[in-house]
Amino acid sequence: MIKEYSDEEVAAQPIGAWSGEAYRLVVGALREALAVESLTQPHWWTLNHVAGKPGEWTREALVRRLARYDDLGIDFDAVFDDLVARGWMLERDGLTLTEAGEAGRLRARDRNARVHARTHEGVDRGDFVTTINILRRMVANLGGDGNLPD
């Protein structure tokens, strides 16, 4: 159970500190879950995008799409090469997942779902929506893109 504070105390808190701490813990838990499959977040992003549009993504287009989420200076070509070498992804006229790749994606999805469930424990859906909308507004106020990703 976490301690309750007055609205005044909470309103005085630095959003950067709390959003940063939330980011580190949530992303850390997701990265830990993915590591069970020897995957990184860029592997995960790649698997999901390719699964969503089989044969439609090229390396170049997918790098342009995913680069905005990268905070580690990832070499996306190395990620793609790794998925191909594992036999999880094929690169012909476009990128597609193999049966093994889809199976791995689904295992990783299940692990990530458990992290998401743990993260949302005790959080009202309406409060979560409000929080995301507030963060979107703050991002937009500072010149960022407050829209949801496509």
Protein backbone atom coordinates (compact mmCIF):
# COMPACT_ATOMS: atom_id res chain seq x y z
CA MET A 1 0.00 0.00 0.00
CA ILE A 2 1.31 3.43 -0.81
CA LYS A 3 0.95 6.39 1.51
CA GLU A 4 -1.77 8.96 0.83
CA TYR A 5 -0.89 12.64 0.48
CA SER A 6 -2.90 15.82 0.19
CA ASP A 7 -3.70 17.18 -3.28
CA GLU A 8 -1.42 20.14 -2.50
CA GLU A 9 1.53 17.85 -1.73
CA VAL A 10 0.99 15.78 -4.87
CA ALA A 11 0.46 18.85 -7.08
CA ALA A 12 3.86 20.20 -5.97
CA GLN A 13 5.70 17.09 -7.20
CA PRO A 14 8.04 17.34 -10.22
CA ILE A 15 6.46 15.61 -13.21
CA GLY A 16 9.87 14.92 -14.75
CA ALA A 17 11.04 12.98 -11.72
CA TRP A 18 7.90 10.86 -11.48
CA SER A 19 7.50 10.26 -15.22
CA GLY A 20 11.21 9.40 -15.42
CA GLU A 21 10.98 6.95 -12.54
CA ALA A 22 7.86 5.36 -14.06
CA TYR A 23 9.63 5.09 -17.41
CA ARG A 24 12.71 3.44 -15.91
CA LEU A 25 10.68 0.90 -13.93
CA VAL A 26 8.11 0.06 -16.62
CA VAL A 27 10.62 -0.16 -19.45
CA GLY A 28 13.03 -2.06 -17.21
CA ALA A 29 10.36 -4.64 -16.40
CA LEU A 30 9.45 -4.99 -20.08
CA ARG A 31 13.10 -5.32 -21.10
CA GLU A 32 13.58 -7.98 -18.43
CA ALA A 33 10.56 -9.92 -19.72
CA LEU A 34 11.83 -9.73 -23.30
CA ALA A 35 15.32 -10.82 -22.29
CA VAL A 36 13.89 -14.26 -21.43
CA GLU A 37 13.67 -14.77 -25.22
CA SER A 38 17.00 -12.95 -25.78
CA LEU A 39 15.00 -10.07 -27.25
CA THR A 40 15.38 -6.32 -26.92
CA GLN A 41 12.63 -3.76 -27.29
CA PRO A 42 13.69 -3.10 -30.90
CA HIS A 43 13.28 -6.83 -31.59
CA TRP A 44 9.79 -6.59 -30.09
CA TRP A 45 8.89 -3.49 -32.08
CA THR A 46 10.14 -5.16 -35.26
CA LEU A 47 8.22 -8.37 -34.65
CA ASN A 48 4.97 -6.49 -34.02
CA HIS A 49 5.28 -4.19 -37.01
CA VAL A 50 6.18 -7.02 -39.37
CA ALA A 51 3.36 -9.19 -37.99
CA GLY A 52 0.91 -6.31 -38.52
CA LYS A 53 1.87 -5.74 -42.17
CA PRO A 54 3.59 -8.86 -43.49
CA GLY A 55 5.62 -8.22 -46.60
CA GLU A 56 4.93 -4.47 -46.56
CA TRP A 57 7.91 -3.22 -44.51
CA THR A 58 11.38 -2.74 -45.94
CA ARG A 59 14.36 -2.31 -43.64
CA GLU A 60 14.63 1.37 -44.48
CA ALA A 61 10.95 2.13 -43.89
CA LEU A 62 10.90 0.19 -40.62
CA VAL A 63 14.04 1.94 -39.33
CA ARG A 64 12.40 5.33 -40.07
CA ARG A 65 9.28 4.18 -38.21
CA LEU A 66 11.04 2.72 -35.15
CA ALA A 67 13.89 5.19 -34.67
CA ARG A 68 11.66 7.62 -32.75
CA TYR A 69 11.25 5.06 -29.95
CA ASP A 70 14.96 4.22 -29.65
CA ASP A 71 16.73 5.56 -26.57
CA LEU A 72 19.76 3.30 -26.74
CA GLY A 73 21.29 4.05 -30.15
CA ILE A 74 20.19 0.69 -31.54
CA ASP A 75 21.65 -0.65 -34.76
CA PHE A 76 18.39 -1.75 -36.35
CA ASP A 77 20.18 -3.60 -39.14
CA ALA A 78 21.77 -5.80 -36.45
CA VAL A 79 18.31 -6.42 -34.95
CA PHE A 80 16.90 -7.38 -38.35
CA ASP A 81 19.93 -9.57 -39.09
CA ASP A 82 19.51 -11.30 -35.73
CA LEU A 83 15.84 -12.09 -36.40
CA VAL A 84 16.72 -13.44 -39.85
CA ALA A 85 19.60 -15.52 -38.43
CA ARG A 86 17.27 -16.98 -35.78
CA GLY A 87 14.89 -18.04 -38.53
CA TRP A 88 12.20 -15.74 -37.11
CA MET A 89 11.99 -13.33 -40.03
CA LEU A 90 12.38 -13.58 -43.80
CA GLU A 91 13.47 -10.77 -46.05
CA ARG A 92 12.27 -11.19 -49.61
CA ASP A 93 10.05 -8.59 -51.25
CA GLY A 94 9.44 -7.25 -47.75
CA LEU A 95 9.86 -8.43 -44.18
CA THR A 96 7.69 -11.32 -42.97
CA LEU A 97 7.71 -13.49 -39.87
CA THR A 98 8.21 -17.22 -40.01
CA GLU A 99 6.13 -19.59 -37.88
CA ALA A 100 8.98 -19.60 -35.34
CA GLY A 101 9.02 -15.78 -35.36
CA GLU A 102 5.29 -15.56 -34.78
CA ALA A 103 5.52 -18.13 -31.97
CA GLY A 104 8.33 -16.12 -30.36
CA ARG A 105 6.35 -12.90 -30.77
CA LEU A 106 3.35 -14.47 -29.05
CA ARG A 107 5.49 -15.74 -26.14
CA ALA A 108 6.99 -12.28 -25.71
CA ARG A 109 3.52 -10.71 -25.97
CA ASP A 110 2.30 -12.92 -23.12
CA ARG A 111 5.26 -11.94 -20.94
CA ASN A 112 4.72 -8.26 -21.71
CA ALA A 113 1.01 -8.62 -20.91
CA ARG A 114 1.93 -9.86 -17.44
CA VAL A 115 4.13 -6.79 -16.93
CA HIS A 116 1.31 -4.53 -18.11
CA ALA A 117 -1.16 -6.22 -15.77
CA ARG A 118 1.23 -5.77 -12.83
CA THR A 119 1.82 -2.14 -13.80
CA HIS A 120 -1.92 -1.40 -13.93
CA GLU A 121 -2.76 -3.21 -10.68
CA GLY A 122 -4.92 -0.94 -8.50
CA VAL A 123 -5.12 1.77 -11.18
CA ASP A 124 -8.62 2.80 -12.25
CA ARG A 125 -9.04 2.74 -16.05
CA GLY A 126 -10.43 6.28 -16.05
CA ASP A 127 -7.48 7.52 -14.01
CA PHE A 128 -5.10 5.84 -16.44
CA VAL A 129 -6.81 7.49 -19.42
CA THR A 130 -6.65 10.86 -17.66
CA THR A 131 -2.96 10.36 -16.90
CA ILE A 132 -2.13 9.51 -20.51
CA ASN A 133 -4.12 12.50 -21.77
CA ILE A 134 -2.33 14.80 -19.32
CA LEU A 135 1.06 13.48 -20.44
CA ARG A 136 0.03 13.90 -24.09
CA ARG A 137 -0.92 17.53 -23.38
CA MET A 138 2.40 18.17 -21.59
CA VAL A 139 4.32 16.65 -24.50
CA ALA A 140 2.41 18.85 -26.96
CA ASN A 141 2.91 21.93 -24.76
CA LEU A 142 6.67 21.37 -25.00
CA GLY A 143 6.61 21.03 -28.79
CA GLY A 144 6.42 17.26 -29.03
CA ASP A 145 3.88 15.07 -30.79
CA GLY A 146 1.01 14.51 -28.36
CA ASN A 147 -0.87 12.25 -30.76
CA LEU A 148 -1.12 8.51 -30.23
CA PRO A 149 1.23 6.48 -32.43
CA ASP A 150 -0.21 5.07 -35.64
